[in-house]
Amino acid sequence: MSADTRIILLKTNAEKPSVQIQDECISAVNELRSRRDADKPRYVIYKISDNGQSVVVDETSSDKNYEAFLNKLASATDDKGKPAPRYAAYDVEYDLGEEGKR
C-alpha cells in the first residue's frame, strides 16, 4: 500500500478522527508522485497544526540534498521553539541498470 493510499484511508475511514488530514497534504504527495519535470518536489514535510487539530503541509522542496532534508526533520520545532515531530514523504531516485532511473 502506498503512502498516499494510507493517508486517504485515514481520512475517509475514521468515524471521529482526533486529527484531520487536510486536502493540501494529499495534493502535495500526489504532486510529488506524479510530476516528472525539473522543478518537481523532492519531498514534503508534514506537521500537526499549532492548534493540534489537523495535519498540514509544513514544507515542500525540490532540493535533492538528502542531508539537508534530514536536518530539517531533526531541527523541527513547534511555535514555542520546542522540538516537534514531523512526518515526511521523500521521492528517492534509484537506478535499475538497463531499465533506467526511476
PDB file of N, CA and C in Angstrom:
ATOM      1  N   MET A   1       0.852  -1.164   0.000  1.00  0.00           N
ATOM      2  CA  MET A   1       0.000   0.000   0.000  1.00  0.00           C
ATOM      3  C   MET A   1       0.900   1.230   0.000  1.00  0.00           C
ATOM      4  N   SER A   2       0.654   2.158  -0.888  1.00  0.00           N
ATOM      5  CA  SER A   2       1.487   3.351  -0.983  1.00  0.00           C
ATOM      6  C   SER A   2       1.130   4.350   0.107  1.00  0.00           C
ATOM      7  N   ALA A   3       2.056   5.296   0.348  1.00  0.00           N
ATOM      8  CA  ALA A   3       1.864   6.268   1.428  1.00  0.00           C
ATOM      9  C   ALA A   3       0.614   7.107   1.219  1.00  0.00           C
ATOM     10  N   ASP A   4       0.371   7.556  -0.022  1.00  0.00           N
ATOM     11  CA  ASP A   4      -0.805   8.401  -0.231  1.00  0.00           C
ATOM     12  C   ASP A   4      -2.091   7.609  -0.050  1.00  0.00           C
ATOM     13  N   THR A   5      -2.075   6.306  -0.323  1.00  0.00           N
ATOM     14  CA  THR A   5      -3.253   5.482  -0.095  1.00  0.00           C
ATOM     15  C   THR A   5      -3.545   5.404   1.395  1.00  0.00           C
ATOM     16  N   ARG A   6      -2.510   5.260   2.211  1.00  0.00           N
ATOM     17  CA  ARG A   6      -2.709   5.216   3.652  1.00  0.00           C
ATOM     18  C   ARG A   6      -3.281   6.528   4.158  1.00  0.00           C
ATOM     19  N   ILE A   7      -2.832   7.634   3.612  1.00  0.00           N
ATOM     20  CA  ILE A   7      -3.367   8.937   4.018  1.00  0.00           C
ATOM     21  C   ILE A   7      -4.849   9.011   3.687  1.00  0.00           C
ATOM     22  N   ILE A   8      -5.208   8.586   2.495  1.00  0.00           N
ATOM     23  CA  ILE A   8      -6.612   8.632   2.087  1.00  0.00           C
ATOM     24  C   ILE A   8      -7.453   7.723   2.976  1.00  0.00           C
ATOM     25  N   LEU A   9      -6.960   6.538   3.290  1.00  0.00           N
ATOM     26  CA  LEU A   9      -7.712   5.639   4.156  1.00  0.00           C
ATOM     27  C   LEU A   9      -7.903   6.239   5.541  1.00  0.00           C
ATOM     28  N   LEU A  10      -6.881   6.859   6.070  1.00  0.00           N
ATOM     29  CA  LEU A  10      -7.012   7.506   7.369  1.00  0.00           C
ATOM     30  C   LEU A  10      -8.057   8.610   7.323  1.00  0.00           C
ATOM     31  N   LYS A  11      -8.098   9.310   6.209  1.00  0.00           N
ATOM     32  CA  LYS A  11      -9.017  10.434   6.100  1.00  0.00           C
ATOM     33  C   LYS A  11     -10.460   9.959   5.932  1.00  0.00           C
ATOM     34  N   THR A  12     -10.687   8.928   5.162  1.00  0.00           N
ATOM     35  CA  THR A  12     -12.054   8.545   4.834  1.00  0.00           C
ATOM     36  C   THR A  12     -12.643   7.473   5.743  1.00  0.00           C
ATOM     37  N   ASN A  13     -11.811   6.668   6.391  1.00  0.00           N
ATOM     38  CA  ASN A  13     -12.340   5.562   7.180  1.00  0.00           C
ATOM     39  C   ASN A  13     -12.531   5.873   8.657  1.00  0.00           C
ATOM     40  N   ALA A  14     -12.011   6.955   9.126  1.00  0.00           N
ATOM     41  CA  ALA A  14     -12.130   7.270  10.548  1.00  0.00           C
ATOM     42  C   ALA A  14     -13.512   7.848  10.833  1.00  0.00           C
ATOM     43  N   GLU A  15     -14.198   7.274  11.820  1.00  0.00           N
ATOM     44  CA  GLU A  15     -15.522   7.783  12.178  1.00  0.00           C
ATOM     45  C   GLU A  15     -15.424   9.162  12.807  1.00  0.00           C
ATOM     46  N   LYS A  16     -14.604   9.291  13.838  1.00  0.00           N
ATOM     47  CA  LYS A  16     -14.400  10.577  14.501  1.00  0.00           C
ATOM     48  C   LYS A  16     -12.903  10.767  14.701  1.00  0.00           C
ATOM     49  N   PRO A  17     -12.208  11.167  13.663  1.00  0.00           N
ATOM     50  CA  PRO A  17     -10.756  11.306  13.807  1.00  0.00           C
ATOM     51  C   PRO A  17     -10.417  12.433  14.778  1.00  0.00           C
ATOM     52  N   SER A  18      -9.394  12.206  15.580  1.00  0.00           N
ATOM     53  CA  SER A  18      -8.981  13.248  16.506  1.00  0.00           C
ATOM     54  C   SER A  18      -8.115  14.286  15.801  1.00  0.00           C
ATOM     55  N   VAL A  19      -7.513  13.906  14.690  1.00  0.00           N
ATOM     56  CA  VAL A  19      -6.710  14.825  13.888  1.00  0.00           C
ATOM     57  C   VAL A  19      -7.158  14.695  12.434  1.00  0.00           C
ATOM     58  N   GLN A  20      -7.545  15.798  11.826  1.00  0.00           N
ATOM     59  CA  GLN A  20      -7.981  15.805  10.427  1.00  0.00           C
ATOM     60  C   GLN A  20      -6.767  15.933   9.503  1.00  0.00           C
ATOM     61  N   ILE A  21      -6.787  15.242   8.392  1.00  0.00           N
ATOM     62  CA  ILE A  21      -5.747  15.385   7.381  1.00  0.00           C
ATOM     63  C   ILE A  21      -6.272  16.346   6.333  1.00  0.00           C
ATOM     64  N   GLN A  22      -5.598  17.462   6.181  1.00  0.00           N
ATOM     65  CA  GLN A  22      -6.026  18.491   5.245  1.00  0.00           C
ATOM     66  C   GLN A  22      -5.823  18.028   3.802  1.00  0.00           C
ATOM     67  N   ASP A  23      -6.692  18.492   2.908  1.00  0.00           N
ATOM     68  CA  ASP A  23      -6.599  18.131   1.493  1.00  0.00           C
ATOM     69  C   ASP A  23      -5.257  18.512   0.892  1.00  0.00           C
ATOM     70  N   GLU A  24      -4.639  19.592   1.379  1.00  0.00           N
ATOM     71  CA  GLU A  24      -3.337  20.016   0.864  1.00  0.00           C
ATOM     72  C   GLU A  24      -2.280  18.926   1.053  1.00  0.00           C
ATOM     73  N   CYS A  25      -2.422  18.087   2.071  1.00  0.00           N
ATOM     74  CA  CYS A  25      -1.471  17.004   2.324  1.00  0.00           C
ATOM     75  C   CYS A  25      -1.543  15.954   1.223  1.00  0.00           C
ATOM     76  N   ILE A  26      -2.740  15.606   0.851  1.00  0.00           N
ATOM     77  CA  ILE A  26      -2.941  14.616  -0.206  1.00  0.00           C
ATOM     78  C   ILE A  26      -2.502  15.183  -1.545  1.00  0.00           C
ATOM     79  N   SER A  27      -2.832  16.432  -1.814  1.00  0.00           N
ATOM     80  CA  SER A  27      -2.411  17.080  -3.063  1.00  0.00           C
ATOM     81  C   SER A  27      -0.894  17.134  -3.163  1.00  0.00           C
ATOM     82  N   ALA A  28      -0.226  17.442  -2.061  1.00  0.00           N
ATOM     83  CA  ALA A  28       1.234  17.557  -2.072  1.00  0.00           C
ATOM     84  C   ALA A  28       1.905  16.219  -2.374  1.00  0.00           C
ATOM     85  N   VAL A  29       1.433  15.138  -1.757  1.00  0.00           N
ATOM     86  CA  VAL A  29       2.055  13.840  -2.014  1.00  0.00           C
ATOM     87  C   VAL A  29       1.712  13.347  -3.423  1.00  0.00           C
ATOM     88  N   ASN A  30       0.533  13.660  -3.920  1.00  0.00           N
ATOM     89  CA  ASN A  30       0.190  13.293  -5.295  1.00  0.00           C
ATOM     90  C   ASN A  30       1.061  14.040  -6.296  1.00  0.00           C
ATOM     91  N   GLU A  31       1.349  15.304  -6.024  1.00  0.00           N
ATOM     92  CA  GLU A  31       2.238  16.076  -6.896  1.00  0.00           C
ATOM     93  C   GLU A  31       3.647  15.493  -6.857  1.00  0.00           C
ATOM     94  N   LEU A  32       4.113  15.121  -5.696  1.00  0.00           N
ATOM     95  CA  LEU A  32       5.431  14.509  -5.549  1.00  0.00           C
ATOM     96  C   LEU A  32       5.524  13.229  -6.375  1.00  0.00           C
ATOM     97  N   ARG A  33       4.476  12.439  -6.376  1.00  0.00           N
ATOM     98  CA  ARG A  33       4.479  11.161  -7.096  1.00  0.00           C
ATOM     99  C   ARG A  33       4.292  11.311  -8.595  1.00  0.00           C
ATOM    100  N   SER A  34       3.556  12.325  -9.043  1.00  0.00           N
ATOM    101  CA  SER A  34       3.173  12.374 -10.453  1.00  0.00           C
ATOM    102  C   SER A  34       4.033  13.277 -11.327  1.00  0.00           C
ATOM    103  N   ARG A  35       4.585  14.329 -10.784  1.00  0.00           N
ATOM    104  CA  ARG A  35       5.361  15.254 -11.618  1.00  0.00           C
ATOM    105  C   ARG A  35       6.717  14.665 -11.963  1.00  0.00           C
ATOM    106  N   ARG A  36       7.192  14.954 -13.156  1.00  0.00           N
ATOM    107  CA  ARG A  36       8.488  14.448 -13.608  1.00  0.00           C
ATOM    108  C   ARG A  36       9.398  15.549 -14.148  1.00  0.00           C
ATOM    109  N   ASP A  37       9.002  16.817 -13.999  1.00  0.00           N
ATOM    110  CA  ASP A  37       9.825  17.904 -14.518  1.00  0.00           C
ATOM    111  C   ASP A  37      10.934  18.260 -13.516  1.00  0.00           C
ATOM    112  N   ALA A  38      11.840  19.160 -13.925  1.00  0.00           N
ATOM    113  CA  ALA A  38      12.999  19.515 -13.108  1.00  0.00           C
ATOM    114  C   ALA A  38      12.616  20.186 -11.787  1.00  0.00           C
ATOM    115  N   ASP A  39      11.487  20.866 -11.753  1.00  0.00           N
ATOM    116  CA  ASP A  39      11.074  21.587 -10.547  1.00  0.00           C
ATOM    117  C   ASP A  39      10.139  20.786  -9.644  1.00  0.00           C
ATOM    118  N   LYS A  40       9.975  19.504  -9.927  1.00  0.00           N
ATOM    119  CA  LYS A  40       9.064  18.690  -9.115  1.00  0.00           C
ATOM    120  C   LYS A  40       9.551  18.636  -7.674  1.00  0.00           C
ATOM    121  N   PRO A  41       8.645  18.525  -6.740  1.00  0.00           N
ATOM    122  CA  PRO A  41       9.062  18.418  -5.339  1.00  0.00           C
ATOM    123  C   PRO A  41       9.847  17.130  -5.105  1.00  0.00           C
ATOM    124  N   ARG A  42      10.891  17.220  -4.316  1.00  0.00           N
ATOM    125  CA  ARG A  42      11.668  16.043  -3.923  1.00  0.00           C
ATOM    126  C   ARG A  42      11.100  15.470  -2.619  1.00  0.00           C
ATOM    127  N   TYR A  43      10.568  16.367  -1.785  1.00  0.00           N
ATOM    128  CA  TYR A  43       9.984  15.897  -0.536  1.00  0.00           C
ATOM    129  C   TYR A  43       8.877  16.822  -0.050  1.00  0.00           C
ATOM    130  N   VAL A  44       8.059  16.261   0.833  1.00  0.00           N
ATOM    131  CA  VAL A  44       7.007  17.010   1.522  1.00  0.00           C
ATOM    132  C   VAL A  44       7.165  16.709   3.008  1.00  0.00           C
ATOM    133  N   ILE A  45       7.171  17.749   3.817  1.00  0.00           N
ATOM    134  CA  ILE A  45       7.227  17.580   5.267  1.00  0.00           C
ATOM    135  C   ILE A  45       5.882  18.028   5.839  1.00  0.00           C
ATOM    136  N   TYR A  46       5.332  17.177   6.684  1.00  0.00           N
ATOM    137  CA  TYR A  46       4.039  17.442   7.317  1.00  0.00           C
ATOM    138  C   TYR A  46       4.230  17.676   8.808  1.00  0.00           C
ATOM    139  N   LYS A  47       3.270  18.362   9.410  1.00  0.00           N
ATOM    140  CA  LYS A  47       3.281  18.551  10.858  1.00  0.00           C
ATOM    141  C   LYS A  47       1.844  18.593  11.365  1.00  0.00           C
ATOM    142  N   ILE A  48       1.717  18.461  12.663  1.00  0.00           N
ATOM    143  CA  ILE A  48       0.431  18.689  13.310  1.00  0.00           C
ATOM    144  C   ILE A  48       0.299  20.199  13.469  1.00  0.00           C
ATOM    145  N   SER A  49      -0.849  20.736  13.121  1.00  0.00           N
ATOM    146  CA  SER A  49      -1.062  22.187  13.211  1.00  0.00           C
ATOM    147  C   SER A  49      -0.863  22.673  14.647  1.00  0.00           C
ATOM    148  N   ASP A  50      -0.612  23.961  14.784  1.00  0.00           N
ATOM    149  CA  ASP A  50      -0.365  24.535  16.109  1.00  0.00           C
ATOM    150  C   ASP A  50      -1.536  24.328  17.070  1.00  0.00           C
ATOM    151  N   ASN A  51      -2.753  24.252  16.539  1.00  0.00           N
ATOM    152  CA  ASN A  51      -3.906  24.022  17.421  1.00  0.00           C
ATOM    153  C   ASN A  51      -4.129  22.528  17.703  1.00  0.00           C
ATOM    154  N   GLY A  52      -3.294  21.657  17.094  1.00  0.00           N
ATOM    155  CA  GLY A  52      -3.353  20.223  17.361  1.00  0.00           C
ATOM    156  C   GLY A  52      -4.525  19.497  16.745  1.00  0.00           C
ATOM    157  N   GLN A  53      -5.210  20.128  15.789  1.00  0.00           N
ATOM    158  CA  GLN A  53      -6.419  19.519  15.250  1.00  0.00           C
ATOM    159  C   GLN A  53      -6.288  18.969  13.842  1.00  0.00           C
ATOM    160  N   SER A  54      -5.168  19.233  13.158  1.00  0.00           N
ATOM    161  CA  SER A  54      -5.052  18.724  11.795  1.00  0.00           C
ATOM    162  C   SER A  54      -3.597  18.535  11.383  1.00  0.00           C
ATOM    163  N   VAL A  55      -3.420  17.684  10.375  1.00  0.00           N
ATOM    164  CA  VAL A  55      -2.117  17.507   9.739  1.00  0.00           C
ATOM    165  C   VAL A  55      -2.074  18.471   8.565  1.00  0.00           C
ATOM    166  N   VAL A  56      -1.004  19.253   8.479  1.00  0.00           N
ATOM    167  CA  VAL A  56      -0.849  20.250   7.424  1.00  0.00           C
ATOM    168  C   VAL A  56       0.524  20.103   6.784  1.00  0.00           C
ATOM    169  N   VAL A  57       0.679  20.679   5.596  1.00  0.00           N
ATOM    170  CA  VAL A  57       1.980  20.699   4.933  1.00  0.00           C
ATOM    171  C   VAL A  57       2.835  21.753   5.622  1.00  0.00           C
ATOM    172  N   ASP A  58       3.997  21.347   6.080  1.00  0.00           N
ATOM    173  CA  ASP A  58       4.949  22.271   6.695  1.00  0.00           C
ATOM    174  C   ASP A  58       5.866  22.857   5.630  1.00  0.00           C
ATOM    175  N   GLU A  59       6.306  22.004   4.692  1.00  0.00           N
ATOM    176  CA  GLU A  59       7.237  22.464   3.661  1.00  0.00           C
ATOM    177  C   GLU A  59       7.292  21.464   2.514  1.00  0.00           C
ATOM    178  N   THR A  60       7.479  21.978   1.309  1.00  0.00           N
ATOM    179  CA  THR A  60       7.821  21.151   0.154  1.00  0.00           C
ATOM    180  C   THR A  60       9.078  21.746  -0.452  1.00  0.00           C
ATOM    181  N   SER A  61       9.876  20.908  -1.093  1.00  0.00           N
ATOM    182  CA  SER A  61      11.106  21.409  -1.696  1.00  0.00           C
ATOM    183  C   SER A  61      11.533  20.505  -2.841  1.00  0.00           C
ATOM    184  N   SER A  62      12.203  21.105  -3.815  1.00  0.00           N
ATOM    185  CA  SER A  62      12.778  20.337  -4.921  1.00  0.00           C
ATOM    186  C   SER A  62      14.272  20.110  -4.705  1.00  0.00           C
ATOM    187  N   ASP A  63      14.788  20.480  -3.535  1.00  0.00           N
ATOM    188  CA  ASP A  63      16.203  20.296  -3.191  1.00  0.00           C
ATOM    189  C   ASP A  63      16.522  18.803  -3.131  1.00  0.00           C
ATOM    190  N   LYS A  64      17.557  18.376  -3.864  1.00  0.00           N
ATOM    191  CA  LYS A  64      17.935  16.963  -3.905  1.00  0.00           C
ATOM    192  C   LYS A  64      18.896  16.567  -2.790  1.00  0.00           C
ATOM    193  N   ASN A  65      19.298  17.513  -1.951  1.00  0.00           N
ATOM    194  CA  ASN A  65      20.254  17.251  -0.883  1.00  0.00           C
ATOM    195  C   ASN A  65      19.560  16.507   0.264  1.00  0.00           C
ATOM    196  N   TYR A  66      19.831  15.206   0.355  1.00  0.00           N
ATOM    197  CA  TYR A  66      19.176  14.372   1.362  1.00  0.00           C
ATOM    198  C   TYR A  66      19.572  14.772   2.781  1.00  0.00           C
ATOM    199  N   GLU A  67      20.830  15.151   2.968  1.00  0.00           N
ATOM    200  CA  GLU A  67      21.292  15.568   4.293  1.00  0.00           C
ATOM    201  C   GLU A  67      20.544  16.816   4.768  1.00  0.00           C
ATOM    202  N   ALA A  68      20.299  17.755   3.857  1.00  0.00           N
ATOM    203  CA  ALA A  68      19.541  18.962   4.214  1.00  0.00           C
ATOM    204  C   ALA A  68      18.121  18.581   4.630  1.00  0.00           C
ATOM    205  N   PHE A  69      17.533  17.632   3.922  1.00  0.00           N
ATOM    206  CA  PHE A  69      16.199  17.129   4.268  1.00  0.00           C
ATOM    207  C   PHE A  69      16.194  16.546   5.682  1.00  0.00           C
ATOM    208  N   LEU A  70      17.178  15.689   5.981  1.00  0.00           N
ATOM    209  CA  LEU A  70      17.258  15.088   7.312  1.00  0.00           C
ATOM    210  C   LEU A  70      17.456  16.145   8.395  1.00  0.00           C
ATOM    211  N   ASN A  71      18.268  17.149   8.105  1.00  0.00           N
ATOM    212  CA  ASN A  71      18.492  18.226   9.074  1.00  0.00           C
ATOM    213  C   ASN A  71      17.210  18.997   9.359  1.00  0.00           C
ATOM    214  N   LYS A  72      16.404  19.219   8.326  1.00  0.00           N
ATOM    215  CA  LYS A  72      15.126  19.920   8.529  1.00  0.00           C
ATOM    216  C   LYS A  72      14.221  19.117   9.456  1.00  0.00           C
ATOM    217  N   LEU A  73      14.201  17.809   9.263  1.00  0.00           N
ATOM    218  CA  LEU A  73      13.380  16.965  10.137  1.00  0.00           C
ATOM    219  C   LEU A  73      13.903  16.988  11.574  1.00  0.00           C
ATOM    220  N   ALA A  74      15.213  16.864  11.724  1.00  0.00           N
ATOM    221  CA  ALA A  74      15.817  16.795  13.059  1.00  0.00           C
ATOM    222  C   ALA A  74      15.721  18.116  13.817  1.00  0.00           C
ATOM    223  N   SER A  75      15.701  19.227  13.105  1.00  0.00           N
ATOM    224  CA  SER A  75      15.703  20.535  13.774  1.00  0.00           C
ATOM    225  C   SER A  75      14.315  21.169  13.876  1.00  0.00           C
ATOM    226  N   ALA A  76      13.282  20.438  13.543  1.00  0.00           N
ATOM    227  CA  ALA A  76      11.918  20.986  13.566  1.00  0.00           C
ATOM    228  C   ALA A  76      11.497  21.350  14.985  1.00  0.00           C
ATOM    229  N   THR A  77      10.845  22.512  15.096  1.00  0.00           N
ATOM    230  CA  THR A  77      10.357  22.971  16.393  1.00  0.00           C
ATOM    231  C   THR A  77       8.899  23.416  16.277  1.00  0.00           C
ATOM    232  N   ASP A  78       8.238  23.487  17.423  1.00  0.00           N
ATOM    233  CA  ASP A  78       6.867  23.985  17.442  1.00  0.00           C
ATOM    234  C   ASP A  78       6.868  25.505  17.573  1.00  0.00           C
ATOM    235  N   ASP A  79       5.704  26.099  17.759  1.00  0.00           N
ATOM    236  CA  ASP A  79       5.607  27.559  17.831  1.00  0.00           C
ATOM    237  C   ASP A  79       6.249  28.143  19.090  1.00  0.00           C
ATOM    238  N   LYS A  80       6.615  27.287  20.044  1.00  0.00           N
ATOM    239  CA  LYS A  80       7.292  27.740  21.263  1.00  0.00           C
ATOM    240  C   LYS A  80       8.789  27.446  21.226  1.00  0.00           C
ATOM    241  N   GLY A  81       9.272  26.919  20.088  1.00  0.00           N
ATOM    242  CA  GLY A  81      10.694  26.622  19.950  1.00  0.00           C
ATOM    243  C   GLY A  81      11.119  25.279  20.507  1.00  0.00           C
ATOM    244  N   LYS A  82      10.172  24.463  20.928  1.00  0.00           N
ATOM    245  CA  LYS A  82      10.489  23.137  21.452  1.00  0.00           C
ATOM    246  C   LYS A  82      10.552  22.137  20.303  1.00  0.00           C
ATOM    247  N   PRO A  83      11.388  21.089  20.425  1.00  0.00           N
ATOM    248  CA  PRO A  83      11.434  20.062  19.376  1.00  0.00           C
ATOM    249  C   PRO A  83      10.040  19.502  19.112  1.00  0.00           C
ATOM    250  N   ALA A  84       9.736  19.291  17.831  1.00  0.00           N
ATOM    251  CA  ALA A  84       8.405  18.817  17.454  1.00  0.00           C
ATOM    252  C   ALA A  84       8.516  17.755  16.365  1.00  0.00           C
ATOM    253  N   PRO A  85       7.619  16.784  16.385  1.00  0.00           N
ATOM    254  CA  PRO A  85       7.666  15.735  15.365  1.00  0.00           C
ATOM    255  C   PRO A  85       7.265  16.261  13.995  1.00  0.00           C
ATOM    256  N   ARG A  86       7.798  15.631  12.991  1.00  0.00           N
ATOM    257  CA  ARG A  86       7.423  15.908  11.610  1.00  0.00           C
ATOM    258  C   ARG A  86       7.251  14.557  10.918  1.00  0.00           C
ATOM    259  N   TYR A  87       6.477  14.567   9.856  1.00  0.00           N
ATOM    260  CA  TYR A  87       6.223  13.386   9.049  1.00  0.00           C
ATOM    261  C   TYR A  87       6.598  13.773   7.636  1.00  0.00           C
ATOM    262  N   ALA A  88       7.103  12.837   6.853  1.00  0.00           N
ATOM    263  CA  ALA A  88       7.595  13.227   5.538  1.00  0.00           C
ATOM    264  C   ALA A  88       7.378  12.146   4.492  1.00  0.00           C
ATOM    265  N   ALA A  89       7.322  12.612   3.255  1.00  0.00           N
ATOM    266  CA  ALA A  89       7.345  11.738   2.080  1.00  0.00           C
ATOM    267  C   ALA A  89       8.526  12.214   1.246  1.00  0.00           C
ATOM    268  N   TYR A  90       9.398  11.300   0.850  1.00  0.00           N
ATOM    269  CA  TYR A  90      10.602  11.638   0.099  1.00  0.00           C
ATOM    270  C   TYR A  90      10.636  10.801  -1.172  1.00  0.00           C
ATOM    271  N   ASP A  91      10.880  11.449  -2.301  1.00  0.00           N
ATOM    272  CA  ASP A  91      10.941  10.760  -3.588  1.00  0.00           C
ATOM    273  C   ASP A  91      12.383  10.355  -3.859  1.00  0.00           C
ATOM    274  N   VAL A  92      12.657   9.078  -3.715  1.00  0.00           N
ATOM    275  CA  VAL A  92      14.006   8.555  -3.906  1.00  0.00           C
ATOM    276  C   VAL A  92      14.193   8.169  -5.367  1.00  0.00           C
ATOM    277  N   GLU A  93      15.282   8.638  -5.956  1.00  0.00           N
ATOM    278  CA  GLU A  93      15.618   8.227  -7.320  1.00  0.00           C
ATOM    279  C   GLU A  93      16.555   7.031  -7.224  1.00  0.00           C
ATOM    280  N   TYR A  94      16.259   5.983  -7.969  1.00  0.00           N
ATOM    281  CA  TYR A  94      17.105   4.802  -7.937  1.00  0.00           C
ATOM    282  C   TYR A  94      17.365   4.323  -9.354  1.00  0.00           C
ATOM    283  N   ASP A  95      18.465   3.597  -9.520  1.00  0.00           N
ATOM    284  CA  ASP A  95      18.922   3.148 -10.828  1.00  0.00           C
ATOM    285  C   ASP A  95      18.622   1.660 -10.989  1.00  0.00           C
ATOM    286  N   LEU A  96      17.911   1.321 -12.066  1.00  0.00           N
ATOM    287  CA  LEU A  96      17.577  -0.075 -12.353  1.00  0.00           C
ATOM    288  C   LEU A  96      18.445  -0.646 -13.473  1.00  0.00           C
ATOM    289  N   GLY A  97      19.641  -0.108 -13.614  1.00  0.00           N
ATOM    290  CA  GLY A  97      20.551  -0.595 -14.644  1.00  0.00           C
ATOM    291  C   GLY A  97      20.028  -0.314 -16.036  1.00  0.00           C
ATOM    292  N   GLU A  98      19.800  -1.368 -16.812  1.00  0.00           N
ATOM    293  CA  GLU A  98      19.343  -1.218 -18.196  1.00  0.00           C
ATOM    294  C   GLU A  98      17.941  -0.617 -18.293  1.00  0.00           C
ATOM    295  N   GLU A  99      17.163  -0.733 -17.255  1.00  0.00           N
ATOM    296  CA  GLU A  99      15.804  -0.190 -17.270  1.00  0.00           C
ATOM    297  C   GLU A  99      15.770   1.306 -16.976  1.00  0.00           C
ATOM    298  N   GLY A 100      16.900   1.879 -16.586  1.00  0.00           N
ATOM    299  CA  GLY A 100      16.982   3.317 -16.346  1.00  0.00           C
ATOM    300  C   GLY A 100      16.710   3.712 -14.911  1.00  0.00           C
ATOM    301  N   LYS A 101      16.670   5.016 -14.709  1.00  0.00           N
ATOM    302  CA  LYS A 101      16.427   5.566 -13.373  1.00  0.00           C
ATOM    303  C   LYS A 101      14.942   5.804 -13.170  1.00  0.00           C
ATOM    304  N   ARG A 102      14.557   5.674 -11.927  1.00  0.00           N
ATOM    305  CA  ARG A 102      13.155   5.939 -11.569  1.00  0.00           C
ATOM    306  C   ARG A 102      13.105   6.776 -10.326  1.00  0.00           C
TER     307      ARG A 102
END
